[in-house]
Amino acid sequence: MSALKTVIVPINRAGWPFIAAFAVVSLLLGLFVAQPLGWLGLVVTLWCVYFFRDPDRTVPARDGLLVSPADGRVTMITPAVPPVELGMGPQPRTRISIFLNVFNVHINRTPAAGEVLAVEYHKGKFLNAALDKASDENERMAVRQRMPNGQEIAYVQIAGLVARRIICHLKPGQRVRTGERYGLIRFGSRTDIYLPDGVNPLVCVGQLAIGGETVLADLTSTEPQRQGEIR
């Protein structure tokens, strides 16, 4: 059974309406329009199944670790002010940006344990999520969270060129554990996380992150920010 689970990955329930719609359209195209279109529709349907896959993850359990909120590539590490709607002040914090392409797992996970203080939606544009200005101008859902030690983080779901729907299940006052599923973005997007003051990233620009597993930072570490090399 365990071997079967590694092959058959669960599908997030948000994906089933899309999978069903693509399957029906593919069948109709194949039967009543042209068989090649039906096969093309089947390929799109299978891609939709792949897009909404929702695999389990092995989450590091030690206190003080911040894990990646999403699968994708680290595209930017830069000082930035958290979204103004969260009320975290004008002081820049280290922001790690993770870009998700259409082939990444799109389930978002909580970076740390703690209490959700605020969840704020900001209506905006649908620019390329890889651009720096997407953090300020694109449609987004921002979360402010207090960790057990009193420090606060923010993490933000950002829509992209083809993303038109942000799903977030968190509510103010809710308590979460590290690595819990909390939402997703359809289809292609970006996730930002703002670290507490004085905390350095343990990842580098260009590195691939795995949601719920890759350690982005350690609140107890004094290690300086890491530098990466392409080899």
Protein backbone atom coordinates (compact mmCIF):
# COMPACT_ATOMS: atom_id res chain seq x y z
CA MET A 1 0.00 0.00 0.00
CA SER A 2 2.84 2.43 0.85
CA ALA A 3 4.36 1.91 -2.61
CA LEU A 4 0.99 2.61 -4.21
CA LYS A 5 0.72 5.90 -2.31
CA THR A 6 4.00 7.09 -3.81
CA VAL A 7 2.54 6.63 -7.30
CA ILE A 8 -1.07 7.75 -6.81
CA VAL A 9 -0.90 11.28 -5.39
CA PRO A 10 -4.06 12.70 -3.79
CA ILE A 11 -5.88 15.43 -5.73
CA ASN A 12 -6.95 18.60 -3.95
CA ARG A 13 -10.73 18.90 -3.88
CA ALA A 14 -10.57 22.37 -5.48
CA GLY A 15 -9.35 20.68 -8.66
CA TRP A 16 -12.16 18.19 -9.22
CA PRO A 17 -14.59 20.66 -10.90
CA PHE A 18 -11.88 21.63 -13.40
CA ILE A 19 -10.85 18.03 -14.04
CA ALA A 20 -14.48 17.02 -14.61
CA ALA A 21 -15.10 19.97 -16.94
CA PHE A 22 -12.00 19.25 -19.02
CA ALA A 23 -12.91 15.55 -19.21
CA VAL A 24 -16.46 16.25 -20.42
CA VAL A 25 -15.29 18.78 -23.02
CA SER A 26 -12.63 16.34 -24.23
CA LEU A 27 -15.20 13.58 -24.62
CA LEU A 28 -17.58 15.83 -26.55
CA LEU A 29 -14.81 17.08 -28.83
CA GLY A 30 -13.68 13.53 -29.55
CA LEU A 31 -17.16 12.21 -30.24
CA PHE A 32 -18.82 15.07 -32.11
CA VAL A 33 -16.10 17.36 -33.51
CA ALA A 34 -12.79 15.70 -34.31
CA GLN A 35 -11.01 12.80 -32.68
CA PRO A 36 -7.60 14.61 -32.56
CA LEU A 37 -9.23 17.38 -30.53
CA GLY A 38 -10.49 14.75 -28.11
CA TRP A 39 -6.96 13.44 -27.61
CA LEU A 40 -5.70 16.98 -27.13
CA GLY A 41 -8.40 17.51 -24.53
CA LEU A 42 -7.31 14.32 -22.78
CA VAL A 43 -3.78 15.69 -22.51
CA VAL A 44 -5.12 18.91 -21.00
CA THR A 45 -7.27 16.91 -18.58
CA LEU A 46 -4.28 14.87 -17.43
CA TRP A 47 -2.29 18.08 -16.97
CA CYS A 48 -5.13 19.43 -14.82
CA VAL A 49 -4.95 16.31 -12.66
CA TYR A 50 -1.20 16.85 -12.34
CA PHE A 51 -1.62 20.53 -11.47
CA PHE A 52 -4.00 19.87 -8.57
CA ARG A 53 -1.94 17.07 -7.02
CA ASP A 54 -1.67 17.39 -3.25
CA PRO A 55 1.13 15.17 -1.92
CA ASP A 56 1.88 14.67 1.76
CA ARG A 57 5.09 16.24 3.01
CA THR A 58 7.51 15.40 5.84
CA VAL A 59 7.59 18.63 7.86
CA PRO A 60 10.62 19.43 10.09
CA ALA A 61 9.22 19.42 13.62
CA ARG A 62 11.82 21.42 15.59
CA ASP A 63 10.72 24.74 17.08
CA GLY A 64 12.19 27.85 15.47
CA LEU A 65 12.27 26.60 11.88
CA LEU A 66 10.46 28.44 9.09
CA VAL A 67 9.58 26.16 6.18
CA SER A 68 8.72 27.12 2.64
CA PRO A 69 5.04 28.04 2.11
CA ALA A 70 5.16 26.77 -1.48
CA ASP A 71 6.94 24.65 -4.06
CA GLY A 72 8.95 26.66 -6.57
CA ARG A 73 12.16 28.55 -7.24
CA VAL A 74 13.55 31.24 -4.97
CA THR A 75 13.70 34.22 -7.31
CA MET A 76 14.41 37.11 -4.91
CA ILE A 77 15.75 37.73 -1.42
CA THR A 78 15.53 41.43 -0.67
CA PRO A 79 14.56 43.95 2.04
CA ALA A 80 10.92 45.00 1.61
CA VAL A 81 8.07 46.46 3.65
CA PRO A 82 5.29 43.95 4.39
CA PRO A 83 1.90 44.64 2.74
CA VAL A 84 0.50 47.80 4.26
CA GLU A 85 -2.90 46.19 4.90
CA LEU A 86 -1.30 43.93 7.54
CA GLY A 87 -0.34 46.92 9.71
CA MET A 88 3.21 45.69 10.41
CA GLY A 89 4.79 49.13 10.06
CA PRO A 90 7.13 50.77 7.52
CA GLN A 91 10.30 48.96 8.55
CA PRO A 92 11.69 46.73 5.77
CA ARG A 93 12.13 43.04 6.50
CA THR A 94 13.93 40.34 4.57
CA ARG A 95 11.52 39.03 1.95
CA ILE A 96 11.95 35.66 0.26
CA SER A 97 10.00 35.31 -3.01
CA ILE A 98 9.16 31.89 -4.43
CA PHE A 99 7.88 31.63 -8.00
CA LEU A 100 5.58 28.75 -8.91
CA ASN A 101 5.30 27.70 -12.54
CA VAL A 102 2.34 25.73 -13.88
CA PHE A 103 4.11 22.42 -13.21
CA ASN A 104 4.78 22.99 -9.51
CA VAL A 105 2.55 21.74 -6.71
CA HIS A 106 0.34 24.74 -5.94
CA ILE A 107 -0.78 23.87 -2.42
CA ASN A 108 0.33 26.52 0.09
CA ARG A 109 1.50 25.57 3.59
CA THR A 110 1.98 27.54 6.81
CA PRO A 111 5.67 28.38 7.38
CA ALA A 112 5.52 28.03 11.19
CA ALA A 113 3.29 27.27 14.13
CA GLY A 114 1.44 30.10 15.82
CA GLU A 115 -1.66 32.28 15.80
CA VAL A 116 -3.06 34.01 12.73
CA LEU A 117 -3.49 37.70 13.54
CA ALA A 118 -4.82 39.01 10.24
CA VAL A 119 -5.84 37.80 6.77
CA GLU A 120 -6.21 40.59 4.21
CA TYR A 121 -7.22 40.51 0.54
CA HIS A 122 -5.90 43.18 -1.83
CA LYS A 123 -7.42 43.54 -5.27
CA GLY A 124 -4.81 44.28 -7.92
CA LYS A 125 -3.31 43.55 -11.31
CA PHE A 126 -2.23 40.26 -12.89
CA LEU A 127 1.34 41.08 -13.89
CA ASN A 128 4.04 38.47 -14.35
CA ALA A 129 4.51 37.11 -10.82
CA ALA A 130 8.27 36.91 -11.34
CA LEU A 131 8.52 40.73 -11.42
CA ASP A 132 9.53 42.56 -8.26
CA LYS A 133 6.60 44.99 -8.53
CA ALA A 134 4.13 42.10 -8.45
CA SER A 135 4.46 42.12 -4.65
CA ASP A 136 2.91 45.60 -4.54
CA GLU A 137 0.67 45.73 -7.61
CA ASN A 138 -0.77 42.24 -8.11
CA GLU A 139 -3.85 40.72 -6.55
CA ARG A 140 -2.85 39.10 -3.27
CA MET A 141 -3.92 37.49 -0.01
CA ALA A 142 -1.67 38.42 2.92
CA VAL A 143 -1.41 36.70 6.32
CA ARG A 144 0.12 38.08 9.51
CA GLN A 145 1.05 35.50 12.12
CA ARG A 146 2.53 35.52 15.61
CA MET A 147 4.78 32.61 16.51
CA PRO A 148 5.01 31.03 20.00
CA ASN A 149 8.11 33.10 20.87
CA GLY A 150 6.27 36.35 20.13
CA GLN A 151 7.96 37.12 16.82
CA GLU A 152 5.80 37.82 13.80
CA ILE A 153 5.99 36.80 10.15
CA ALA A 154 3.93 37.60 7.09
CA TYR A 155 3.31 35.42 4.07
CA VAL A 156 1.52 36.40 0.90
CA GLN A 157 -0.17 34.54 -1.96
CA ILE A 158 0.27 36.57 -5.16
CA ALA A 159 -1.65 36.01 -8.39
CA GLY A 160 0.23 35.98 -11.71
CA LEU A 161 -0.38 36.27 -15.44
CA VAL A 162 -2.66 33.25 -15.68
CA ALA A 163 -3.65 33.00 -12.01
CA ARG A 164 -7.16 34.26 -11.41
CA ARG A 165 -8.16 32.67 -8.11
CA ILE A 166 -6.49 32.75 -4.70
CA ILE A 167 -7.86 30.34 -2.11
CA CYS A 168 -7.01 30.89 1.57
CA HIS A 169 -8.69 28.98 4.40
CA LEU A 170 -7.10 30.87 7.31
CA LYS A 171 -9.06 33.10 9.70
CA PRO A 172 -7.89 35.61 12.34
CA GLY A 173 -7.51 33.92 15.71
CA GLN A 174 -6.86 30.51 14.17
CA ARG A 175 -3.94 28.49 15.53
CA VAL A 176 -1.86 26.57 13.03
CA ARG A 177 0.98 24.08 13.00
CA THR A 178 4.07 24.22 10.84
CA GLY A 179 3.47 22.90 7.33
CA GLU A 180 -0.33 22.78 7.44
CA ARG A 181 -2.15 23.16 4.13
CA TYR A 182 -3.91 26.51 4.08
CA GLY A 183 -4.73 27.33 0.45
CA LEU A 184 -3.67 27.39 -3.19
CA ILE A 185 -3.46 29.66 -6.23
CA ARG A 186 -4.72 28.80 -9.72
CA PHE A 187 -2.72 28.65 -12.18
CA GLY A 188 0.90 29.82 -11.77
CA SER A 189 1.78 32.33 -9.08
CA ARG A 190 4.18 33.51 -6.40
CA THR A 191 4.44 33.34 -2.63
CA ASP A 192 6.37 35.83 -0.48
CA ILE A 193 7.42 35.40 3.13
CA TYR A 194 8.69 38.24 5.35
CA LEU A 195 11.12 37.13 8.04
CA PRO A 196 11.39 38.57 11.57
CA ASP A 197 14.04 41.24 12.16
CA GLY A 198 17.55 39.85 12.43
CA VAL A 199 16.73 36.45 10.95
CA ASN A 200 18.83 35.44 7.93
CA PRO A 201 17.64 33.17 5.10
CA LEU A 202 19.12 29.70 4.82
CA VAL A 203 18.30 29.49 1.10
CA CYS A 204 19.81 31.16 -1.97
CA VAL A 205 18.36 32.80 -5.05
CA GLY A 206 17.88 30.15 -7.71
CA GLN A 207 17.33 27.33 -5.23
CA LEU A 208 14.30 25.06 -5.59
CA ALA A 209 12.08 24.98 -2.50
CA ILE A 210 9.63 22.27 -1.45
CA GLY A 211 6.55 23.48 0.39
CA GLY A 212 6.40 22.29 3.98
CA GLU A 213 9.87 20.71 3.83
CA THR A 214 12.56 23.18 2.77
CA VAL A 215 13.84 25.20 5.76
CA LEU A 216 13.94 28.86 4.73
CA ALA A 217 15.24 30.21 8.05
CA ASP A 218 16.09 29.21 11.61
CA LEU A 219 15.10 31.67 14.34
CA THR A 220 17.87 30.34 16.59
CA SER A 221 20.67 30.43 14.00
CA THR A 222 23.45 33.05 13.85
CA GLU A 223 24.62 31.88 10.43
CA PRO A 224 24.99 34.75 7.91
CA GLN A 225 22.91 34.80 4.74
CA ARG A 226 23.96 32.01 2.41
CA GLN A 227 25.40 32.53 -1.05
CA GLY A 228 24.88 30.04 -3.86
CA GLU A 229 26.84 29.02 -6.93
CA ILE A 230 25.60 27.37 -10.14
CA ARG A 231 27.68 24.26 -10.88
